[in-house]
């Protein structure tokens, strides 16, 4: 079914895009955004509330809006465990990573790697993060365009250009402030898209209690699966542990998020943003799970995916929006704006982060004589260039759809090595540059090998059945149902008809994708430490204490005295204020600062 949008819907959608662009114009008005510090960090003057909202919507992209809802619809609600899984990243990011980054007054987090390990590690880490962002953002632009085209007839080229051009425009002229406040505006529409869908679905089926009853009746009432099998896609442990480490990587060692922490006025505010941001990301994911739960109850007995009304599961959210509100003038346009909100918030954040990394890690060290004004102009040109690259990437994804799943798979592998190398630097003073490079490369290669193996021998994951026994004949041609449709879930389940080597498919290649970040991070740390010890470990006494985690220092000092010199306490911390000049900026590190 393709239900084309009305003229009013297009007016609503256009108004949303124009308002997003207007935010950039406002923050560029009157000669603002003339310095790099203002353009990239808002002069470190932002209130924690808009920063927290920006952190949340930067993570909850269109992948959440379209993908998490569809995954719950197909596989059930086990993903809700992502909320308690945020406890680990809340503590690690807020009390270990953020104090180091904030006190160093970093603009690009990879400046830390340059201080700790040298230029080569800095550039390698930055390159991995840039590749990750370009691939991911291209998919974030293309995915919603594809879903909207299939359900509403909205043209793919028009959707890609609208999202890409508007994001590039307000990000380029308005800087980080425009991105932050646009995120605040878009977050309201994003949340409304979920809530309106939940409320309308509940009203249709007879209430929230009926939603849960229908799902339980159809075998979707299992909220917690405590089996220890690491090949289970979404057990309690795979979500709690696997996604706990994934979110630690995403909110602790990702330029998009850490740059937001750096815009706050104080370390304490940055830590509050890290804590509440992680918590609210979990809440947003649970709302997406509930939306998928309600979607299933609404279509129980007449699944549009199985009968071919939609071709892919990630079109279901757009489909139900049109199905519920197609007769309400302007409502479909408003909710389609929610899909664009989910995309724009992530894309604008990514463009700004890419410009920051290239500017701070490549251009500024190469041309240190640049005036601040000229450097800011270059940053804006770099933002335009990356906006163009992301649009091109989205068009390439539309032309080579068969490669899309591989790209999405490889994107997840890039987070682990980055988390691992920062862990090496912040916690393990013996690690050196050779170990950091060796660990990152080894982990990346192992991750690629595992993912290719999983694509060749796809793991089997049996989803609950989808029913069509209540479909009216005059609406769906149930005689032509594709009986394998219930198994064609993007990256979720595998077709039971595929023949595979049972021995191989049930071993390492069947590992849940949720563990990839943890696995590659551990490999980076272990290989990095071993290589460092073999090639001449760094003397902890020579490490600048500003580069080490204050949490690690406090913990190691609880050890017996005879072991202290062999631990992080081998770093020469001082209870007195230590003045250090890093990156041309003097600052004071108080080791005993109360977090």
Protein backbone atom coordinates (compact mmCIF):
# COMPACT_ATOMS: atom_id res chain seq x y z
CA UNK A 1 0.00 0.00 0.00
CA UNK A 2 1.33 3.41 -0.97
CA UNK A 3 -0.64 6.33 0.53
CA UNK A 4 0.62 9.55 -0.99
CA UNK A 5 0.92 12.59 1.25
CA UNK A 6 -1.55 15.44 0.83
CA UNK A 7 -0.68 19.06 0.11
CA UNK A 8 -1.20 19.91 3.80
CA UNK A 9 1.24 17.15 4.79
CA UNK A 10 3.89 18.62 2.50
CA UNK A 11 3.28 22.07 3.98
CA UNK A 12 3.80 20.70 7.50
CA UNK A 13 6.95 18.84 6.46
CA UNK A 14 8.34 21.89 4.65
CA UNK A 15 7.62 24.09 7.66
CA UNK A 16 9.57 21.71 9.88
CA UNK A 17 12.59 21.82 7.56
CA UNK A 18 12.44 25.62 7.28
CA UNK A 19 12.29 26.03 11.06
CA UNK A 20 15.34 23.80 11.43
CA UNK A 21 17.21 25.95 8.92
CA UNK A 22 16.04 29.11 10.69
CA UNK A 23 17.76 28.01 13.88
CA UNK A 24 21.08 28.04 12.04
CA UNK A 25 20.37 31.51 10.63
CA UNK A 26 19.55 32.83 14.10
CA UNK A 27 22.81 31.60 15.61
CA UNK A 28 24.84 32.96 12.69
CA UNK A 29 23.14 36.37 12.81
CA UNK A 30 25.09 39.41 13.95
CA UNK A 31 28.57 38.11 13.27
CA UNK A 32 28.47 35.23 15.71
CA UNK A 33 30.44 32.01 15.12
CA UNK A 34 33.61 33.96 14.27
CA UNK A 35 35.97 32.05 16.55
CA UNK A 36 36.76 28.35 16.56
CA UNK A 37 35.98 28.09 20.26
CA UNK A 38 32.50 29.52 19.71
CA UNK A 39 31.89 27.56 16.51
CA UNK A 40 32.95 24.16 17.89
CA UNK A 41 32.33 24.44 21.65
CA UNK A 42 29.85 27.33 22.07
CA UNK A 43 32.59 29.05 24.11
CA UNK A 44 32.01 26.35 26.76
CA UNK A 45 28.94 28.26 27.93
CA UNK A 46 25.99 25.90 27.37
CA UNK A 47 23.44 24.99 30.03
CA UNK A 48 23.33 21.22 30.73
CA UNK A 49 19.62 20.83 29.83
CA UNK A 50 19.86 21.50 26.06
CA UNK A 51 23.17 19.63 25.97
CA UNK A 52 21.56 16.57 27.59
CA UNK A 53 18.68 16.65 25.11
CA UNK A 54 21.16 16.93 22.24
CA UNK A 55 23.13 13.93 23.53
CA UNK A 56 19.94 11.86 23.66
CA UNK A 57 18.63 12.66 20.18
CA UNK A 58 22.11 12.34 18.65
CA UNK A 59 22.13 8.70 19.76
CA UNK A 60 18.44 7.97 19.13
CA UNK A 61 18.62 8.32 15.37
CA UNK A 62 16.30 7.13 12.62
CA UNK A 63 17.78 3.69 13.28
CA UNK A 64 15.94 3.79 16.63
CA UNK A 65 12.76 5.32 15.23
CA UNK A 66 12.44 2.83 12.39
CA UNK A 67 14.72 -0.05 13.41
CA UNK A 68 14.12 -0.61 17.13
CA UNK A 69 10.36 -0.45 16.69
CA UNK A 70 10.54 -2.97 13.84
CA UNK A 71 12.89 -5.26 15.78
CA UNK A 72 10.45 -5.35 18.69
CA UNK A 73 7.56 -5.99 16.31
CA UNK A 74 9.37 -8.96 14.77
CA UNK A 75 11.36 -10.43 17.67
CA UNK A 76 9.71 -9.31 20.90
CA UNK A 77 10.58 -6.89 23.73
CA UNK A 78 13.86 -8.30 25.13
CA UNK A 79 15.73 -5.19 23.99
CA UNK A 80 14.17 -3.19 26.87
CA UNK A 81 17.09 -4.38 29.05
CA UNK A 82 19.08 -1.62 27.36
CA UNK A 83 17.72 0.72 30.08
CA UNK A 84 19.42 -0.96 33.08
CA UNK A 85 22.40 -1.57 30.80
CA UNK A 86 23.03 2.19 30.93
CA UNK A 87 24.25 1.93 34.55
CA UNK A 88 27.74 0.87 33.45
CA UNK A 89 28.34 3.63 30.87
CA UNK A 90 26.82 6.22 33.23
CA UNK A 91 29.49 5.51 35.84
CA UNK A 92 32.48 4.92 33.56
CA UNK A 93 31.88 7.84 31.23
CA UNK A 94 30.92 10.39 33.90
CA UNK A 95 33.59 9.59 36.48
CA UNK A 96 36.46 8.27 34.40
CA UNK A 97 36.50 9.60 30.83
CA UNK A 98 34.84 13.01 31.23
CA UNK A 99 37.16 14.30 34.01
CA UNK A 100 40.22 13.57 31.86
CA UNK A 101 38.81 15.11 28.68
CA UNK A 102 37.33 18.17 30.38
CA UNK A 103 40.42 19.07 32.39
CA UNK A 104 42.58 18.78 29.29
CA UNK A 105 40.24 21.29 27.60
CA UNK A 106 40.05 19.10 24.51
CA UNK A 107 38.18 20.06 21.36
CA UNK A 108 38.77 16.78 19.51
CA UNK A 109 38.99 13.73 21.77
CA UNK A 110 41.76 12.35 19.55
CA UNK A 111 44.01 15.14 20.76
CA UNK A 112 44.21 12.98 23.89
CA UNK A 113 45.69 10.10 21.89
CA UNK A 114 48.27 12.48 20.46
CA UNK A 115 49.29 13.59 23.96
CA UNK A 116 49.37 10.03 25.30
CA UNK A 117 50.70 7.97 22.40
CA UNK A 118 51.84 10.35 19.68
CA UNK A 119 50.72 11.60 16.30
CA UNK A 120 50.36 8.20 14.56
CA UNK A 121 47.87 6.84 17.09
CA UNK A 122 45.97 10.12 17.05
CA UNK A 123 45.52 9.99 13.27
CA UNK A 124 44.65 6.28 13.24
CA UNK A 125 41.95 6.72 15.88
CA UNK A 126 40.58 9.79 14.11
CA UNK A 127 40.53 7.95 10.77
CA UNK A 128 38.57 5.03 12.23
CA UNK A 129 36.04 7.42 13.76
CA UNK A 130 35.70 9.38 10.50
CA UNK A 131 35.10 6.21 8.47
CA UNK A 132 32.55 5.05 11.02
CA UNK A 133 30.67 8.36 10.93
CA UNK A 134 30.64 8.70 7.13
CA UNK A 135 29.32 5.16 6.63
CA UNK A 136 26.80 5.45 9.44
CA UNK A 137 25.50 8.89 8.50
CA UNK A 138 25.06 7.84 4.88
CA UNK A 139 22.83 5.00 6.07
CA UNK A 140 20.98 7.34 8.49
CA UNK A 141 20.09 9.56 5.51
CA UNK A 142 19.23 6.73 3.11
CA UNK A 143 17.31 4.40 5.45
CA UNK A 144 14.39 6.75 6.23
CA UNK A 145 14.29 7.93 2.59
CA UNK A 146 13.84 4.32 1.46
CA UNK A 147 11.16 3.59 4.07
CA UNK A 148 9.20 6.75 3.30
CA UNK A 149 9.39 6.13 -0.43
CA UNK A 150 7.93 2.64 -0.11
CA UNK A 151 5.07 3.72 2.13
CA UNK A 152 4.28 7.33 1.17
CA UNK A 153 5.70 7.63 -2.34
CA UNK A 154 8.01 10.42 -1.14
CA UNK A 155 10.90 10.43 -3.64
CA UNK A 156 14.23 8.99 -2.43
CA UNK A 157 16.38 11.69 -4.11
CA UNK A 158 14.19 14.44 -2.69
CA UNK A 159 14.31 12.97 0.84
CA UNK A 160 18.10 12.56 0.72
CA UNK A 161 18.67 16.08 -0.58
CA UNK A 162 16.18 17.66 1.84
CA UNK A 163 17.76 16.06 4.89
CA UNK A 164 21.34 16.50 3.70
CA UNK A 165 21.09 20.09 2.49
CA UNK A 166 19.11 21.41 5.48
CA UNK A 167 21.49 19.74 7.96
CA UNK A 168 24.57 20.99 6.15
CA UNK A 169 23.14 24.50 5.95
CA UNK A 170 22.29 25.11 9.61
CA UNK A 171 25.32 23.17 10.89
CA UNK A 172 27.71 25.17 8.69
CA UNK A 173 26.45 28.66 9.44
CA UNK A 174 25.32 28.18 13.04
CA UNK A 175 28.00 25.91 14.51
CA UNK A 176 27.54 23.76 17.57
CA UNK A 177 24.95 26.11 19.12
CA UNK A 178 22.68 25.74 16.11
CA UNK A 179 23.11 21.97 16.26
CA UNK A 180 22.28 21.85 19.97
CA UNK A 181 19.18 24.02 19.76
CA UNK A 182 17.97 22.33 16.58
CA UNK A 183 18.26 19.05 18.47
CA UNK A 184 16.07 20.47 21.23
CA UNK A 185 13.43 21.53 18.69
CA UNK A 186 13.57 18.23 16.82
CA UNK A 187 13.45 16.16 20.02
CA UNK A 188 9.89 17.31 20.71
CA UNK A 189 8.68 16.15 17.31
CA UNK A 190 10.70 12.93 17.60
CA UNK A 191 9.12 12.09 20.98
CA UNK A 192 5.65 13.10 19.76
CA UNK A 193 5.97 10.60 16.91
CA UNK A 194 6.38 7.78 19.40
CA UNK A 195 3.74 8.93 21.86
CA UNK A 196 1.03 9.64 19.29
CA UNK A 197 1.59 6.21 17.72
CA UNK A 198 1.44 4.50 21.12
CA UNK A 199 -1.73 6.33 22.16
CA UNK A 200 -3.56 5.78 18.85
CA UNK A 201 -2.61 2.08 18.77
CA UNK A 202 -3.76 1.56 22.36
CA UNK A 203 -7.08 3.25 21.67
CA UNK A 204 -7.61 1.03 18.63
CA UNK A 205 -6.93 -2.28 20.41
CA UNK A 206 -8.64 -1.36 23.70
CA UNK A 207 -5.94 -0.06 26.02
CA UNK A 208 -2.38 -0.72 27.10
CA UNK A 209 -3.36 -3.82 29.09
CA UNK A 210 -4.84 -5.30 25.91
CA UNK A 211 -1.59 -4.55 24.07
CA UNK A 212 0.32 -6.67 26.59
CA UNK A 213 -2.32 -9.41 26.55
CA UNK A 214 -2.19 -9.74 22.74
CA UNK A 215 1.59 -9.90 22.70
CA UNK A 216 1.66 -12.51 25.49
CA UNK A 217 -0.98 -14.56 23.66
CA UNK A 218 1.13 -14.64 20.51
CA UNK A 219 4.34 -15.70 22.24
CA UNK A 220 5.86 -12.23 22.69
CA UNK A 221 5.57 -11.88 26.46
CA UNK A 222 9.16 -12.84 27.32
CA UNK A 223 10.79 -9.70 28.66
CA UNK A 224 13.86 -11.32 30.22
CA UNK A 225 15.87 -14.29 28.96
CA UNK A 226 18.58 -15.23 31.47
CA UNK A 227 20.21 -17.96 29.37
CA UNK A 228 24.00 -17.53 29.30
CA UNK A 229 24.38 -18.63 25.67
CA UNK A 230 26.38 -15.81 23.95
CA UNK A 231 24.84 -16.67 20.58
CA UNK A 232 21.35 -15.59 21.70
CA UNK A 233 20.71 -12.35 19.92
CA UNK A 234 18.96 -10.42 22.70
CA UNK A 235 19.19 -12.30 25.99
CA UNK A 236 19.44 -10.33 29.23
CA UNK A 237 23.22 -10.77 29.23
CA UNK A 238 23.85 -9.89 25.60
CA UNK A 239 21.88 -6.66 25.96
CA UNK A 240 23.06 -5.74 29.46
CA UNK A 241 26.74 -6.49 28.89
CA UNK A 242 27.07 -6.06 25.14
CA UNK A 243 25.08 -2.86 24.78
CA UNK A 244 26.54 -1.58 28.03
CA UNK A 245 29.98 -1.60 26.42
CA UNK A 246 28.62 -0.34 23.11
CA UNK A 247 27.08 2.67 24.83
CA UNK A 248 30.28 3.25 26.82
CA UNK A 249 32.05 3.48 23.48
CA UNK A 250 29.41 5.68 21.91
CA UNK A 251 29.04 8.17 24.75
CA UNK A 252 32.57 8.02 26.13
CA UNK A 253 34.91 7.80 23.15
CA UNK A 254 32.87 9.18 20.27
CA UNK A 255 33.52 12.73 19.06
CA UNK A 256 29.82 13.46 18.51
CA UNK A 257 28.91 12.98 22.16
CA UNK A 258 32.10 14.01 23.96
CA UNK A 259 32.11 17.31 22.07
CA UNK A 260 28.76 18.07 23.69
CA UNK A 261 30.19 17.38 27.14
CA UNK A 262 32.92 19.90 26.39
CA UNK A 263 30.39 22.70 25.71
CA UNK A 264 29.27 22.76 29.36
CA UNK A 265 30.39 25.45 31.79
CA UNK A 266 32.02 23.13 34.33
CA UNK A 267 33.22 19.59 34.90
CA UNK A 268 30.32 18.93 37.25
CA UNK A 269 27.79 19.93 34.58
CA UNK A 270 29.54 17.72 32.01
CA UNK A 271 29.28 14.77 34.40
CA UNK A 272 25.59 15.45 34.98
CA UNK A 273 25.03 15.48 31.22
CA UNK A 274 26.88 12.16 30.89
CA UNK A 275 24.76 10.57 33.65
CA UNK A 276 21.34 11.88 32.68
CA UNK A 277 22.08 11.63 28.97
CA UNK A 278 22.81 7.90 29.23
CA UNK A 279 19.76 7.37 31.41
CA UNK A 280 17.43 9.21 29.03
CA UNK A 281 18.87 7.36 26.04
CA UNK A 282 17.74 4.17 27.78
CA UNK A 283 14.30 5.65 28.42
CA UNK A 284 14.04 6.61 24.75
CA UNK A 285 14.95 3.08 23.69
CA UNK A 286 12.28 1.64 26.00
CA UNK A 287 9.69 4.01 24.48
CA UNK A 288 10.72 2.69 21.05
CA UNK A 289 10.29 -0.88 22.32
CA UNK A 290 6.82 -0.02 23.66
CA UNK A 291 5.94 1.52 20.29
CA UNK A 292 6.92 -1.71 18.53
CA UNK A 293 4.88 -3.65 21.10
CA UNK A 294 1.82 -1.51 20.31
CA UNK A 295 2.43 -1.87 16.57
CA UNK A 296 2.25 -5.65 16.87
CA UNK A 297 -0.99 -5.51 18.85
CA UNK A 298 -2.48 -3.20 16.22
CA UNK A 299 -1.63 -5.59 13.36
CA UNK A 300 -2.10 -8.85 15.27
CA UNK A 301 -3.73 -11.38 12.96
CA UNK A 302 -3.06 -9.37 9.81
CA UNK A 303 0.66 -8.71 9.57
CA UNK A 304 1.47 -6.29 6.71
CA UNK A 305 5.05 -7.57 6.49
CA UNK A 306 4.07 -11.18 5.83
CA UNK A 307 1.43 -10.32 3.22
CA UNK A 308 3.82 -8.01 1.39
CA UNK A 309 2.19 -4.67 2.15
CA UNK A 310 5.69 -3.57 3.19
CA UNK A 311 8.84 -5.09 1.76
CA UNK A 312 11.14 -4.58 4.74
CA UNK A 313 10.52 -4.56 8.46
CA UNK A 314 11.98 -1.08 8.91
CA UNK A 315 9.11 0.32 6.82
CA UNK A 316 6.58 -0.70 9.47
CA UNK A 317 6.78 2.50 11.51
CA UNK A 318 6.13 4.70 8.48
CA UNK A 319 3.37 2.30 7.42
CA UNK A 320 1.47 2.48 10.70
CA UNK A 321 1.76 6.29 10.75
CA UNK A 322 0.05 6.47 7.37
CA UNK A 323 -2.44 3.76 8.33
CA UNK A 324 -3.48 5.53 11.54
CA UNK A 325 -3.48 9.15 10.41
CA UNK A 326 -3.90 9.23 6.64
CA UNK A 327 -7.39 10.71 7.02
CA UNK A 328 -6.32 13.41 9.48
CA UNK A 329 -5.13 16.49 7.54
CA UNK A 330 -1.54 17.37 8.33
CA UNK A 331 -1.01 14.62 10.92
CA UNK A 332 0.85 12.29 8.55
CA UNK A 333 3.11 15.19 7.55
CA UNK A 334 3.78 15.96 11.22
CA UNK A 335 4.71 12.37 12.01
CA UNK A 336 6.82 12.01 8.88
CA UNK A 337 8.61 15.09 10.24
CA UNK A 338 9.37 12.94 13.28
CA UNK A 339 11.23 10.52 10.99
CA UNK A 340 13.20 13.44 9.55
CA UNK A 341 13.83 14.73 13.09
CA UNK A 342 15.43 11.42 13.98
CA UNK A 343 17.73 11.76 10.96
CA UNK A 344 18.55 15.46 11.13
CA UNK A 345 19.66 15.44 14.76
CA UNK A 346 22.20 12.69 14.12
CA UNK A 347 23.40 13.99 10.74
CA UNK A 348 24.00 17.55 11.96
CA UNK A 349 25.88 16.24 14.99
CA UNK A 350 28.00 14.03 12.75
CA UNK A 351 28.88 16.81 10.31
CA UNK A 352 29.96 19.07 13.17
CA UNK A 353 32.04 16.28 14.73
CA UNK A 354 33.74 15.44 11.42
CA UNK A 355 34.66 19.09 10.87
CA UNK A 356 36.03 19.27 14.41
CA UNK A 357 38.24 16.20 14.02
CA UNK A 358 39.67 17.24 10.65
CA UNK A 359 40.19 20.81 11.85
CA UNK A 360 41.81 20.04 15.19
CA UNK A 361 43.67 16.82 14.33
CA UNK A 362 44.80 17.56 10.76
CA UNK A 363 44.54 21.20 9.67
CA UNK A 364 45.53 23.02 12.87
CA UNK A 365 48.72 20.97 13.52
CA UNK A 366 49.70 21.29 9.85
CA UNK A 367 49.10 25.05 9.67
CA UNK A 368 49.65 26.40 13.20
CA UNK A 369 50.08 29.96 11.91
CA UNK A 370 46.42 30.25 10.86
CA UNK A 371 44.52 33.03 12.57
CA UNK A 372 41.44 32.03 14.52
CA UNK A 373 39.16 33.79 12.04
CA UNK A 374 40.68 31.99 9.02
CA UNK A 375 40.57 28.67 10.85
CA UNK A 376 36.86 29.16 11.57
CA UNK A 377 36.18 29.86 7.89
CA UNK A 378 38.05 26.67 6.97
CA UNK A 379 35.97 24.71 9.49
CA UNK A 380 32.79 25.94 7.80
CA UNK A 381 34.11 24.88 4.38
CA UNK A 382 35.00 21.47 5.81
CA UNK A 383 31.44 21.17 7.15
CA UNK A 384 30.06 21.83 3.66
CA UNK A 385 32.43 19.25 2.19
CA UNK A 386 31.38 16.56 4.66
CA UNK A 387 27.71 17.37 4.10
CA UNK A 388 28.29 16.72 0.41
CA UNK A 389 30.18 13.47 1.14
CA UNK A 390 27.34 12.18 3.32
CA UNK A 391 24.76 12.98 0.63
CA UNK A 392 26.88 11.12 -1.92
CA UNK A 393 27.21 8.19 0.49
CA UNK A 394 23.43 8.06 0.83
CA UNK A 395 22.99 7.99 -2.95
CA UNK A 396 25.61 5.23 -3.21
CA UNK A 397 23.68 3.23 -0.64
CA UNK A 398 20.57 3.59 -2.82
CA UNK A 399 22.46 2.25 -5.84
CA UNK A 400 24.23 -0.61 -4.10
CA UNK A 401 21.56 -1.85 -1.77
CA UNK A 402 23.13 -5.29 -1.52
CA UNK A 403 26.13 -3.77 0.24
CA UNK A 404 24.01 -1.92 2.77
CA UNK A 405 23.90 -4.74 5.33
CA UNK A 406 27.67 -5.24 5.08
CA UNK A 407 28.26 -1.53 5.66
CA UNK A 408 25.97 -1.55 8.70
CA UNK A 409 27.79 -4.60 10.05
CA UNK A 410 31.26 -3.12 9.60
CA UNK A 411 30.21 0.11 11.29
CA UNK A 412 29.66 -1.74 14.57
CA UNK A 413 33.19 -3.17 14.49
CA UNK A 414 34.85 0.26 14.51
CA UNK A 415 33.65 1.24 18.00
CA UNK A 416 35.53 -1.44 19.94
CA UNK A 417 39.11 -0.58 18.92
CA UNK A 418 38.51 3.10 19.70
CA UNK A 419 37.14 2.27 23.17
CA UNK A 420 40.05 -0.11 23.68
CA UNK A 421 42.79 2.40 22.83
CA UNK A 422 41.33 5.03 25.15
CA UNK A 423 41.14 2.39 27.89
CA UNK A 424 44.81 1.60 27.31
CA UNK A 425 45.73 5.25 27.61
CA UNK A 426 43.59 6.20 30.58
CA UNK A 427 44.01 3.10 32.78
CA UNK A 428 47.26 1.35 31.80
CA UNK A 429 50.34 3.60 32.12
CA UNK A 430 52.72 0.94 30.74
CA UNK A 431 51.07 1.00 27.30
CA UNK A 432 52.98 2.64 24.46
CA UNK A 433 52.28 3.74 20.89
CA UNK A 434 53.34 0.42 19.34
CA UNK A 435 50.92 -1.43 21.59
CA UNK A 436 48.11 1.03 20.84
CA UNK A 437 48.52 0.67 17.06
CA UNK A 438 48.98 -3.10 17.23
CA UNK A 439 45.92 -3.54 19.42
CA UNK A 440 43.65 -1.40 17.26
CA UNK A 441 44.66 -3.04 13.98
CA UNK A 442 44.41 -6.56 15.42
CA UNK A 443 40.98 -5.92 16.91
CA UNK A 444 39.68 -4.39 13.69
CA UNK A 445 40.88 -7.34 11.59
CA UNK A 446 39.38 -9.87 14.01
CA UNK A 447 36.08 -7.98 13.94
CA UNK A 448 36.00 -7.94 10.14
CA UNK A 449 36.81 -11.66 10.05
CA UNK A 450 33.99 -12.49 12.48
CA UNK A 451 31.48 -10.35 10.59
CA UNK A 452 32.34 -11.83 7.22
CA UNK A 453 32.03 -15.28 8.75
CA UNK A 454 28.61 -14.37 10.18
CA UNK A 455 27.49 -13.18 6.73
CA UNK A 456 28.70 -16.38 5.06
CA UNK A 457 27.27 -18.57 7.82
CA UNK A 458 24.35 -16.50 9.15
CA UNK A 459 23.35 -17.42 12.70
CA UNK A 460 19.91 -18.95 13.13
CA UNK A 461 17.49 -16.92 15.24
CA UNK A 462 13.90 -18.10 15.39
CA UNK A 463 11.48 -15.19 15.74
CA UNK A 464 7.93 -15.67 17.06
CA UNK A 465 5.39 -16.31 14.31
CA UNK A 466 3.52 -13.54 12.50
CA UNK A 467 -0.15 -14.20 11.81
CA UNK A 468 -2.42 -13.33 8.87
CA UNK A 469 -5.50 -15.39 9.74
CA UNK A 470 -7.64 -12.30 10.40
CA UNK A 471 -6.85 -10.41 7.18
CA UNK A 472 -9.96 -9.39 5.20
CA UNK A 473 -9.81 -10.84 1.71
CA UNK A 474 -10.73 -7.54 0.07
CA UNK A 475 -7.75 -5.79 1.67
CA UNK A 476 -4.90 -8.29 1.34
CA UNK A 477 -4.43 -11.04 -1.20
CA UNK A 478 -3.58 -13.68 1.38
CA UNK A 479 -3.32 -16.43 -1.27
CA UNK A 480 -0.03 -14.90 -2.44
CA UNK A 481 1.61 -14.66 0.98
CA UNK A 482 5.37 -15.13 1.00
CA UNK A 483 5.79 -17.80 3.67
CA UNK A 484 9.40 -16.88 4.32
CA UNK A 485 8.69 -13.19 4.87
CA UNK A 486 8.69 -13.55 8.63
CA UNK A 487 12.35 -14.47 8.48
CA UNK A 488 13.56 -11.56 6.31
CA UNK A 489 14.49 -9.14 9.06
CA UNK A 490 17.35 -6.69 8.49
CA UNK A 491 20.26 -8.16 10.40
CA UNK A 492 17.89 -9.93 12.78
CA UNK A 493 17.01 -13.44 11.67
CA UNK A 494 18.11 -15.85 9.02
CA UNK A 495 16.13 -17.78 6.48
CA UNK A 496 15.71 -21.35 7.76
CA UNK A 497 16.01 -22.62 4.18
CA UNK A 498 19.67 -21.54 3.96
CA UNK A 499 22.02 -24.51 4.15
CA UNK A 500 25.05 -23.98 6.34
CA UNK A 501 27.81 -25.86 8.04
CA UNK A 502 26.37 -26.58 11.49
CA UNK A 503 29.72 -26.88 13.19
CA UNK A 504 30.93 -23.49 11.98
CA UNK A 505 27.62 -21.66 12.26
CA UNK A 506 27.13 -22.65 15.90
CA UNK A 507 30.58 -21.59 17.10
CA UNK A 508 32.34 -18.25 16.95
CA UNK A 509 30.43 -16.89 13.92
CA UNK A 510 27.14 -17.25 15.81
CA UNK A 511 28.25 -14.80 18.52
CA UNK A 512 25.60 -12.15 19.11
CA UNK A 513 26.39 -8.90 17.35
CA UNK A 514 25.88 -7.12 20.70
CA UNK A 515 29.21 -8.51 21.91
CA UNK A 516 31.31 -7.16 19.02
CA UNK A 517 32.25 -3.90 20.73
CA UNK A 518 33.21 -5.70 23.95
CA UNK A 519 35.22 -8.33 22.09
CA UNK A 520 37.17 -5.91 19.91
CA UNK A 521 37.79 -3.56 22.86
CA UNK A 522 39.20 -6.42 24.95
CA UNK A 523 41.41 -7.55 22.06
CA UNK A 524 42.72 -3.99 21.69
CA UNK A 525 43.59 -3.80 25.38
CA UNK A 526 45.15 -7.27 25.67
CA UNK A 527 47.18 -7.11 22.46
CA UNK A 528 48.12 -3.50 23.15
CA UNK A 529 49.41 -4.29 26.63
CA UNK A 530 51.33 -7.39 25.50
CA UNK A 531 52.98 -5.53 22.61
CA UNK A 532 53.82 -2.65 24.92
CA UNK A 533 55.50 -4.96 27.44
CA UNK A 534 57.47 -6.70 24.68
CA UNK A 535 58.64 -3.50 23.00
CA UNK A 536 59.53 -1.56 26.14
CA UNK A 537 56.73 -0.42 28.43
CA UNK A 538 56.27 3.20 29.32
CA UNK A 539 57.61 4.16 32.74
CA UNK A 540 54.57 5.15 34.83
CA UNK A 541 56.64 7.73 36.67
CA UNK A 542 57.11 9.59 33.38
CA UNK A 543 53.41 9.71 32.56
CA UNK A 544 51.74 13.08 32.90
CA UNK A 545 49.11 12.39 35.60
CA UNK A 546 46.67 14.63 33.77
CA UNK A 547 46.34 11.88 31.15
CA UNK A 548 45.27 9.16 33.61
CA UNK A 549 41.84 8.44 35.06
CA UNK A 550 41.26 9.88 38.55
CA UNK A 551 39.06 6.86 39.32
CA UNK A 552 41.92 4.51 38.50
CA UNK A 553 44.20 6.51 40.78
CA UNK A 554 41.79 6.34 43.69
CA UNK A 555 41.19 2.61 43.29
CA UNK A 556 44.84 1.63 42.97
CA UNK A 557 45.75 3.60 46.08
CA UNK A 558 43.54 1.23 48.06
CA UNK A 559 46.01 -1.60 47.35
CA UNK A 560 48.73 -2.67 49.79
CA UNK A 561 51.77 -0.38 49.73
CA UNK A 562 54.08 -3.02 48.24
CA UNK A 563 51.88 -3.23 45.13
CA UNK A 564 51.28 0.46 44.55
CA UNK A 565 54.37 1.20 42.47
CA UNK A 566 53.39 -1.62 40.09
CA UNK A 567 49.94 -0.17 39.51
CA UNK A 568 48.58 3.19 38.45
CA UNK A 569 50.17 4.65 41.57
CA UNK A 570 53.46 4.36 39.75
CA UNK A 571 52.27 7.55 38.07
CA UNK A 572 53.56 10.46 40.09
CA UNK A 573 50.33 12.01 41.27
CA UNK A 574 50.45 14.86 43.72
CA UNK A 575 47.89 16.11 46.15
CA UNK A 576 49.08 19.59 45.35
CA UNK A 577 47.85 21.36 42.27
CA UNK A 578 50.00 20.53 39.29
CA UNK A 579 50.34 23.11 36.58
CA UNK A 580 50.79 21.71 33.12
CA UNK A 581 50.83 23.21 29.70
CA UNK A 582 49.03 21.06 27.17
CA UNK A 583 48.10 22.21 23.72
CA UNK A 584 49.15 25.72 24.72
CA UNK A 585 46.66 25.88 27.60
CA UNK A 586 47.69 25.89 31.26
CA UNK A 587 45.41 24.20 33.69
CA UNK A 588 45.33 22.74 37.16
CA UNK A 589 44.70 19.10 37.99
CA UNK A 590 43.45 18.38 41.45
CA UNK A 591 43.72 14.65 41.99
CA UNK A 592 41.74 14.79 45.16
CA UNK A 593 38.86 16.66 43.55
CA UNK A 594 35.59 15.27 44.77
CA UNK A 595 33.64 13.89 41.86
